[in-house]
């Protein structure tokens, strides 16, 4: 959480969010009106936030990581436009999973990268597959969100097959689960062996490009300084 996010929560009269995320910030909920809901209730949470904001209340809608990256900010704007709601909306940046995971791994995102979610709940798998193929062919470092769930155990297997068509099995891969939280788990492995590690919905996977290397437990993607300057 950034200091700005903490300040926004402190100033809010009402805090709305997914129960699992609210459970992470109990100290921020003291003295507030709290509205919690379960997974798959994103539209309901946004609707309630806009409704209460329209009544003049200061409302904080909580997301995990950064609200503008695979989270709630976009849906708030979509619904506000659709319903012609006129309220002040401010997006408070947070630390996205790819930032937190990259920091734990070293410096894997030092060159161009693509973030791709493997969840086909809102995006058809065929479109996800095309994005994986394009990013793999273009030698992007890749940050994989939502890699695996009980219902989607095979998507990460298929994604790896696509990547292996363009990258060596020795390509470094960082697997970070619950970055910065108490149950954090970090694994530095390779594209060939990545499926041997535990992967779940709290996991973000960073897959290196053709230049990425592992060194002393770190994962590093050169930006190109060595080719231009004497190091």
C-alpha atoms as a PDB file:
ATOM      1  CA  UNK A   1       0.000   0.000   0.000  1.00  0.00           C
ATOM      2  CA  UNK A   2       1.277   3.471  -0.866  1.00  0.00           C
ATOM      3  CA  UNK A   3       1.089   6.345   1.662  1.00  0.00           C
ATOM      4  CA  UNK A   4      -1.483   8.051  -0.602  1.00  0.00           C
ATOM      5  CA  UNK A   5      -3.731   4.990  -0.383  1.00  0.00           C
ATOM      6  CA  UNK A   6      -3.444   4.999   3.402  1.00  0.00           C
ATOM      7  CA  UNK A   7      -4.401   8.674   3.476  1.00  0.00           C
ATOM      8  CA  UNK A   8      -7.418   8.026   1.231  1.00  0.00           C
ATOM      9  CA  UNK A   9      -8.641   5.258   3.530  1.00  0.00           C
ATOM     10  CA  UNK A  10      -8.204   7.482   6.560  1.00  0.00           C
ATOM     11  CA  UNK A  11     -10.249  10.251   4.910  1.00  0.00           C
ATOM     12  CA  UNK A  12     -13.038   7.926   3.728  1.00  0.00           C
ATOM     13  CA  UNK A  13     -16.372   7.637   5.483  1.00  0.00           C
ATOM     14  CA  UNK A  14     -17.235   4.367   3.766  1.00  0.00           C
ATOM     15  CA  UNK A  15     -14.834   1.587   2.739  1.00  0.00           C
ATOM     16  CA  UNK A  16     -16.039  -1.005   0.221  1.00  0.00           C
ATOM     17  CA  UNK A  17     -14.151  -4.068  -0.909  1.00  0.00           C
ATOM     18  CA  UNK A  18     -13.695  -7.766  -1.439  1.00  0.00           C
ATOM     19  CA  UNK A  19     -13.684  -9.368   2.017  1.00  0.00           C
ATOM     20  CA  UNK A  20     -10.289 -11.054   1.529  1.00  0.00           C
ATOM     21  CA  UNK A  21      -8.652  -7.687   0.806  1.00  0.00           C
ATOM     22  CA  UNK A  22     -10.397  -5.939   3.686  1.00  0.00           C
ATOM     23  CA  UNK A  23      -9.120  -8.648   6.027  1.00  0.00           C
ATOM     24  CA  UNK A  24      -5.587  -7.439   5.207  1.00  0.00           C
ATOM     25  CA  UNK A  25      -6.225  -3.898   6.493  1.00  0.00           C
ATOM     26  CA  UNK A  26      -8.227  -4.185   9.766  1.00  0.00           C
ATOM     27  CA  UNK A  27      -6.498  -1.143  11.246  1.00  0.00           C
ATOM     28  CA  UNK A  28      -7.845   1.014   8.401  1.00  0.00           C
ATOM     29  CA  UNK A  29     -11.450  -0.009   9.011  1.00  0.00           C
ATOM     30  CA  UNK A  30     -11.814   1.243  12.575  1.00  0.00           C
ATOM     31  CA  UNK A  31     -14.600   3.809  12.874  1.00  0.00           C
ATOM     32  CA  UNK A  32     -15.667   3.402   9.240  1.00  0.00           C
ATOM     33  CA  UNK A  33     -18.816   2.143   7.588  1.00  0.00           C
ATOM     34  CA  UNK A  34     -17.586  -1.063   5.952  1.00  0.00           C
ATOM     35  CA  UNK A  35     -19.310  -2.848   3.083  1.00  0.00           C
ATOM     36  CA  UNK A  36     -17.737  -6.202   2.196  1.00  0.00           C
ATOM     37  CA  UNK A  37     -18.680  -8.741  -0.460  1.00  0.00           C
ATOM     38  CA  UNK A  38     -17.321 -11.913  -1.975  1.00  0.00           C
ATOM     39  CA  UNK A  39     -15.589 -12.718  -5.245  1.00  0.00           C
ATOM     40  CA  UNK A  40     -17.551 -12.169  -8.477  1.00  0.00           C
ATOM     41  CA  UNK A  41     -19.439  -9.213  -6.956  1.00  0.00           C
ATOM     42  CA  UNK A  42     -17.344  -6.487  -8.581  1.00  0.00           C
ATOM     43  CA  UNK A  43     -20.282  -4.836 -10.339  1.00  0.00           C
ATOM     44  CA  UNK A  44     -22.268  -4.698  -7.102  1.00  0.00           C
ATOM     45  CA  UNK A  45     -19.362  -3.102  -5.250  1.00  0.00           C
ATOM     46  CA  UNK A  46     -18.856  -0.449  -7.918  1.00  0.00           C
ATOM     47  CA  UNK A  47     -22.575   0.283  -8.114  1.00  0.00           C
ATOM     48  CA  UNK A  48     -22.751   0.778  -4.330  1.00  0.00           C
ATOM     49  CA  UNK A  49     -19.656   2.978  -4.315  1.00  0.00           C
ATOM     50  CA  UNK A  50     -21.084   5.248  -7.007  1.00  0.00           C
ATOM     51  CA  UNK A  51     -24.456   5.347  -5.278  1.00  0.00           C
ATOM     52  CA  UNK A  52     -22.972   6.422  -1.942  1.00  0.00           C
ATOM     53  CA  UNK A  53     -20.611   8.901  -3.597  1.00  0.00           C
ATOM     54  CA  UNK A  54     -23.642  10.381  -5.350  1.00  0.00           C
ATOM     55  CA  UNK A  55     -25.159  10.950  -1.926  1.00  0.00           C
ATOM     56  CA  UNK A  56     -22.158  13.040  -0.988  1.00  0.00           C
ATOM     57  CA  UNK A  57     -20.200  10.487   1.027  1.00  0.00           C
ATOM     58  CA  UNK A  58     -16.441   9.978   0.760  1.00  0.00           C
ATOM     59  CA  UNK A  59     -16.085   6.399  -0.431  1.00  0.00           C
ATOM     60  CA  UNK A  60     -12.951   4.270  -0.768  1.00  0.00           C
ATOM     61  CA  UNK A  61     -13.278   1.258  -3.071  1.00  0.00           C
ATOM     62  CA  UNK A  62     -10.454  -1.142  -2.218  1.00  0.00           C
ATOM     63  CA  UNK A  63      -8.577  -3.256  -4.751  1.00  0.00           C
ATOM     64  CA  UNK A  64      -5.580  -5.529  -4.388  1.00  0.00           C
ATOM     65  CA  UNK A  65      -2.317  -4.192  -5.811  1.00  0.00           C
ATOM     66  CA  UNK A  66      -2.941  -1.216  -8.106  1.00  0.00           C
ATOM     67  CA  UNK A  67      -6.628  -0.386  -8.794  1.00  0.00           C
ATOM     68  CA  UNK A  68      -5.856   0.477 -12.409  1.00  0.00           C
ATOM     69  CA  UNK A  69      -4.183  -2.866 -13.239  1.00  0.00           C
ATOM     70  CA  UNK A  70      -6.578  -5.819 -13.538  1.00  0.00           C
ATOM     71  CA  UNK A  71      -8.702  -4.263 -10.815  1.00  0.00           C
ATOM     72  CA  UNK A  72     -11.680  -1.975 -10.163  1.00  0.00           C
ATOM     73  CA  UNK A  73     -10.810   1.464 -11.545  1.00  0.00           C
ATOM     74  CA  UNK A  74     -11.837   0.738 -15.126  1.00  0.00           C
ATOM     75  CA  UNK A  75     -15.175  -0.737 -14.100  1.00  0.00           C
ATOM     76  CA  UNK A  76     -15.963   2.337 -11.986  1.00  0.00           C
ATOM     77  CA  UNK A  77     -15.408   4.600 -14.992  1.00  0.00           C
ATOM     78  CA  UNK A  78     -17.416   2.305 -17.292  1.00  0.00           C
ATOM     79  CA  UNK A  79     -20.377   2.275 -14.921  1.00  0.00           C
ATOM     80  CA  UNK A  80     -20.194   5.999 -14.199  1.00  0.00           C
ATOM     81  CA  UNK A  81     -20.309   6.694 -17.948  1.00  0.00           C
ATOM     82  CA  UNK A  82     -23.095   4.176 -18.568  1.00  0.00           C
ATOM     83  CA  UNK A  83     -25.237   5.561 -15.754  1.00  0.00           C
ATOM     84  CA  UNK A  84     -24.232   9.186 -16.385  1.00  0.00           C
ATOM     85  CA  UNK A  85     -23.122   9.536 -12.752  1.00  0.00           C
ATOM     86  CA  UNK A  86     -21.476  12.851 -11.942  1.00  0.00           C
ATOM     87  CA  UNK A  87     -19.156  12.314  -8.977  1.00  0.00           C
ATOM     88  CA  UNK A  88     -15.485  13.056  -8.380  1.00  0.00           C
ATOM     89  CA  UNK A  89     -13.416   9.930  -9.036  1.00  0.00           C
ATOM     90  CA  UNK A  90      -9.767   9.655  -8.041  1.00  0.00           C
ATOM     91  CA  UNK A  91      -7.580   6.627  -8.708  1.00  0.00           C
ATOM     92  CA  UNK A  92      -4.981   6.148  -5.971  1.00  0.00           C
ATOM     93  CA  UNK A  93      -1.987   4.130  -7.212  1.00  0.00           C
ATOM     94  CA  UNK A  94      -0.806   1.083  -5.321  1.00  0.00           C
ATOM     95  CA  UNK A  95       2.007  -1.421  -5.716  1.00  0.00           C
ATOM     96  CA  UNK A  96       1.011  -3.781  -8.526  1.00  0.00           C
ATOM     97  CA  UNK A  97       1.855  -7.483  -8.306  1.00  0.00           C
ATOM     98  CA  UNK A  98       4.361  -7.183 -11.126  1.00  0.00           C
ATOM     99  CA  UNK A  99       6.224  -4.397  -9.259  1.00  0.00           C
ATOM    100  CA  UNK A 100       6.322  -6.275  -5.972  1.00  0.00           C
ATOM    101  CA  UNK A 101       7.306  -9.558  -7.610  1.00  0.00           C
ATOM    102  CA  UNK A 102       9.986  -7.977  -9.774  1.00  0.00           C
ATOM    103  CA  UNK A 103      11.557  -6.356  -6.711  1.00  0.00           C
ATOM    104  CA  UNK A 104      11.644  -9.698  -4.903  1.00  0.00           C
ATOM    105  CA  UNK A 105      13.297 -11.369  -7.899  1.00  0.00           C
ATOM    106  CA  UNK A 106      15.883  -8.683  -8.648  1.00  0.00           C
ATOM    107  CA  UNK A 107      15.484  -6.717 -11.881  1.00  0.00           C
ATOM    108  CA  UNK A 108      13.597  -8.827 -14.438  1.00  0.00           C
ATOM    109  CA  UNK A 109      11.552  -5.978 -15.967  1.00  0.00           C
ATOM    110  CA  UNK A 110      14.426  -3.751 -17.058  1.00  0.00           C
ATOM    111  CA  UNK A 111      13.440  -3.996 -20.719  1.00  0.00           C
ATOM    112  CA  UNK A 112      10.149  -4.138 -22.636  1.00  0.00           C
ATOM    113  CA  UNK A 113       7.608  -6.449 -21.067  1.00  0.00           C
ATOM    114  CA  UNK A 114       4.000  -7.553 -21.477  1.00  0.00           C
ATOM    115  CA  UNK A 115       1.497  -8.343 -18.720  1.00  0.00           C
ATOM    116  CA  UNK A 116      -1.007 -11.048 -19.649  1.00  0.00           C
ATOM    117  CA  UNK A 117      -3.738 -12.602 -17.518  1.00  0.00           C
ATOM    118  CA  UNK A 118      -4.574 -16.251 -18.140  1.00  0.00           C
ATOM    119  CA  UNK A 119      -8.067 -15.881 -16.685  1.00  0.00           C
ATOM    120  CA  UNK A 120     -10.688 -16.468 -19.364  1.00  0.00           C
ATOM    121  CA  UNK A 121     -13.551 -15.347 -17.138  1.00  0.00           C
ATOM    122  CA  UNK A 122     -13.800 -12.016 -18.989  1.00  0.00           C
ATOM    123  CA  UNK A 123     -11.487 -12.611 -21.963  1.00  0.00           C
ATOM    124  CA  UNK A 124     -11.869 -15.549 -24.404  1.00  0.00           C
ATOM    125  CA  UNK A 125      -9.015 -18.048 -24.289  1.00  0.00           C
ATOM    126  CA  UNK A 126      -8.422 -17.710 -28.047  1.00  0.00           C
ATOM    127  CA  UNK A 127      -7.632 -14.020 -27.587  1.00  0.00           C
ATOM    128  CA  UNK A 128      -5.352 -14.778 -24.627  1.00  0.00           C
ATOM    129  CA  UNK A 129      -3.574 -17.394 -26.750  1.00  0.00           C
ATOM    130  CA  UNK A 130      -2.967 -14.855 -29.550  1.00  0.00           C
ATOM    131  CA  UNK A 131      -1.508 -12.381 -27.068  1.00  0.00           C
ATOM    132  CA  UNK A 132       0.795 -15.028 -25.616  1.00  0.00           C
ATOM    133  CA  UNK A 133       2.004 -16.017 -29.077  1.00  0.00           C
ATOM    134  CA  UNK A 134       2.612 -12.395 -30.107  1.00  0.00           C
ATOM    135  CA  UNK A 135       4.491 -11.505 -26.913  1.00  0.00           C
ATOM    136  CA  UNK A 136       6.553 -14.683 -27.055  1.00  0.00           C
ATOM    137  CA  UNK A 137       7.507 -14.122 -30.698  1.00  0.00           C
ATOM    138  CA  UNK A 138       8.480 -10.502 -29.994  1.00  0.00           C
ATOM    139  CA  UNK A 139      10.825 -11.566 -27.162  1.00  0.00           C
ATOM    140  CA  UNK A 140       9.015  -9.593 -24.473  1.00  0.00           C
ATOM    141  CA  UNK A 141       9.649 -10.378 -20.842  1.00  0.00           C
ATOM    142  CA  UNK A 142       6.222 -11.572 -19.660  1.00  0.00           C
ATOM    143  CA  UNK A 143       4.390 -11.068 -16.383  1.00  0.00           C
ATOM    144  CA  UNK A 144       1.670 -13.697 -16.122  1.00  0.00           C
ATOM    145  CA  UNK A 145      -1.306 -12.878 -13.895  1.00  0.00           C
ATOM    146  CA  UNK A 146      -3.960 -15.383 -12.735  1.00  0.00           C
ATOM    147  CA  UNK A 147      -1.890 -18.318 -13.963  1.00  0.00           C
ATOM    148  CA  UNK A 148      -3.852 -21.147 -12.406  1.00  0.00           C
ATOM    149  CA  UNK A 149      -7.011 -21.947 -10.487  1.00  0.00           C
ATOM    150  CA  UNK A 150      -8.926 -25.123  -9.687  1.00  0.00           C
ATOM    151  CA  UNK A 151     -11.037 -24.628 -12.821  1.00  0.00           C
ATOM    152  CA  UNK A 152      -8.136 -23.471 -15.034  1.00  0.00           C
ATOM    153  CA  UNK A 153      -5.324 -25.896 -14.278  1.00  0.00           C
ATOM    154  CA  UNK A 154      -4.359 -26.375 -17.942  1.00  0.00           C
ATOM    155  CA  UNK A 155      -3.971 -22.759 -19.058  1.00  0.00           C
ATOM    156  CA  UNK A 156      -0.479 -22.369 -17.618  1.00  0.00           C
ATOM    157  CA  UNK A 157       0.499 -25.661 -19.276  1.00  0.00           C
ATOM    158  CA  UNK A 158      -0.671 -24.379 -22.658  1.00  0.00           C
ATOM    159  CA  UNK A 159       0.996 -21.003 -22.082  1.00  0.00           C
ATOM    160  CA  UNK A 160       4.312 -22.714 -21.389  1.00  0.00           C
ATOM    161  CA  UNK A 161       3.993 -24.752 -24.594  1.00  0.00           C
ATOM    162  CA  UNK A 162       3.526 -21.530 -26.564  1.00  0.00           C
ATOM    163  CA  UNK A 163       6.578 -19.960 -24.922  1.00  0.00           C
ATOM    164  CA  UNK A 164       8.766 -23.021 -25.501  1.00  0.00           C
ATOM    165  CA  UNK A 165       8.159 -22.632 -29.228  1.00  0.00           C
ATOM    166  CA  UNK A 166      10.063 -19.335 -29.041  1.00  0.00           C
ATOM    167  CA  UNK A 167      12.386 -19.611 -26.011  1.00  0.00           C
ATOM    168  CA  UNK A 168      14.943 -22.014 -24.641  1.00  0.00           C
ATOM    169  CA  UNK A 169      13.969 -24.288 -21.744  1.00  0.00           C
ATOM    170  CA  UNK A 170      16.796 -22.640 -19.764  1.00  0.00           C
ATOM    171  CA  UNK A 171      15.062 -19.234 -19.860  1.00  0.00           C
ATOM    172  CA  UNK A 172      14.871 -17.896 -16.272  1.00  0.00           C
ATOM    173  CA  UNK A 173      11.434 -17.814 -14.680  1.00  0.00           C
ATOM    174  CA  UNK A 174      10.473 -16.208 -11.375  1.00  0.00           C
ATOM    175  CA  UNK A 175       7.440 -17.554  -9.528  1.00  0.00           C
ATOM    176  CA  UNK A 176       6.263 -15.318  -6.689  1.00  0.00           C
ATOM    177  CA  UNK A 177       3.230 -16.046  -4.545  1.00  0.00           C
ATOM    178  CA  UNK A 178       1.688 -13.485  -2.172  1.00  0.00           C
ATOM    179  CA  UNK A 179       4.487 -10.960  -2.643  1.00  0.00           C
ATOM    180  CA  UNK A 180       5.176  -8.842   0.489  1.00  0.00           C
ATOM    181  CA  UNK A 181       2.609 -10.784   2.555  1.00  0.00           C
ATOM    182  CA  UNK A 182       3.181 -13.205   5.432  1.00  0.00           C
ATOM    183  CA  UNK A 183       2.771 -16.290   3.244  1.00  0.00           C
ATOM    184  CA  UNK A 184       5.164 -15.008   0.547  1.00  0.00           C
ATOM    185  CA  UNK A 185       6.899 -17.683  -1.514  1.00  0.00           C
ATOM    186  CA  UNK A 186       9.633 -17.054  -4.101  1.00  0.00           C
ATOM    187  CA  UNK A 187      11.007 -19.572  -6.587  1.00  0.00           C
ATOM    188  CA  UNK A 188      13.623 -18.902  -9.254  1.00  0.00           C
ATOM    189  CA  UNK A 189      13.515 -21.649 -11.869  1.00  0.00           C
ATOM    190  CA  UNK A 190      13.484 -22.111 -15.653  1.00  0.00           C
ATOM    191  CA  UNK A 191      10.864 -22.302 -18.363  1.00  0.00           C
ATOM    192  CA  UNK A 192      11.571 -26.009 -18.712  1.00  0.00           C
ATOM    193  CA  UNK A 193      11.021 -26.733 -15.008  1.00  0.00           C
ATOM    194  CA  UNK A 194       8.464 -24.095 -13.998  1.00  0.00           C
ATOM    195  CA  UNK A 195       5.530 -26.491 -13.750  1.00  0.00           C
ATOM    196  CA  UNK A 196       7.341 -28.396 -11.005  1.00  0.00           C
ATOM    197  CA  UNK A 197       6.681 -25.453  -8.651  1.00  0.00           C
ATOM    198  CA  UNK A 198       3.471 -24.690  -6.787  1.00  0.00           C
ATOM    199  CA  UNK A 199       1.332 -22.155  -8.672  1.00  0.00           C
ATOM    200  CA  UNK A 200      -2.046 -20.731  -7.673  1.00  0.00           C
ATOM    201  CA  UNK A 201      -4.220 -17.611  -8.019  1.00  0.00           C
ATOM    202  CA  UNK A 202      -1.990 -15.607  -5.657  1.00  0.00           C
ATOM    203  CA  UNK A 203       0.984 -16.321  -7.907  1.00  0.00           C
ATOM    204  CA  UNK A 204       2.504 -13.983 -10.473  1.00  0.00           C
ATOM    205  CA  UNK A 205       5.003 -15.497 -12.907  1.00  0.00           C
ATOM    206  CA  UNK A 206       7.722 -13.469 -14.624  1.00  0.00           C
ATOM    207  CA  UNK A 207       9.253 -15.147 -17.659  1.00  0.00           C
ATOM    208  CA  UNK A 208      12.512 -13.761 -19.002  1.00  0.00           C
ATOM    209  CA  UNK A 209      13.385 -12.872 -22.568  1.00  0.00           C
ATOM    210  CA  UNK A 210      16.329 -14.201 -24.575  1.00  0.00           C
ATOM    211  CA  UNK A 211      18.778 -11.981 -22.659  1.00  0.00           C
ATOM    212  CA  UNK A 212      17.518 -12.534 -19.097  1.00  0.00           C
ATOM    213  CA  UNK A 213      19.946 -14.276 -16.760  1.00  0.00           C
ATOM    214  CA  UNK A 214      19.978 -15.678 -13.235  1.00  0.00           C
ATOM    215  CA  UNK A 215      22.800 -14.653 -10.910  1.00  0.00           C
ATOM    216  CA  UNK A 216      23.261 -15.332  -7.192  1.00  0.00           C
ATOM    217  CA  UNK A 217      19.581 -15.965  -6.687  1.00  0.00           C
ATOM    218  CA  UNK A 218      18.477 -12.942  -8.703  1.00  0.00           C
ATOM    219  CA  UNK A 219      16.720 -12.678 -12.061  1.00  0.00           C
ATOM    220  CA  UNK A 220      18.015  -9.871 -14.276  1.00  0.00           C
ATOM    221  CA  UNK A 221      17.066  -8.625 -17.736  1.00  0.00           C
ATOM    222  CA  UNK A 222      19.773  -6.367 -19.256  1.00  0.00           C
ATOM    223  CA  UNK A 223      18.555  -3.156 -20.831  1.00  0.00           C
ATOM    224  CA  UNK A 224      21.435  -2.966 -23.287  1.00  0.00           C
ATOM    225  CA  UNK A 225      24.051  -0.863 -21.497  1.00  0.00           C
ATOM    226  CA  UNK A 226      26.782  -3.473 -22.050  1.00  0.00           C
ATOM    227  CA  UNK A 227      26.491  -3.144 -25.820  1.00  0.00           C
ATOM    228  CA  UNK A 228      26.774   0.646 -25.684  1.00  0.00           C
ATOM    229  CA  UNK A 229      29.091   1.412 -22.772  1.00  0.00           C
ATOM    230  CA  UNK A 230      32.029  -0.157 -20.993  1.00  0.00           C
ATOM    231  CA  UNK A 231      30.778  -1.670 -17.745  1.00  0.00           C
END
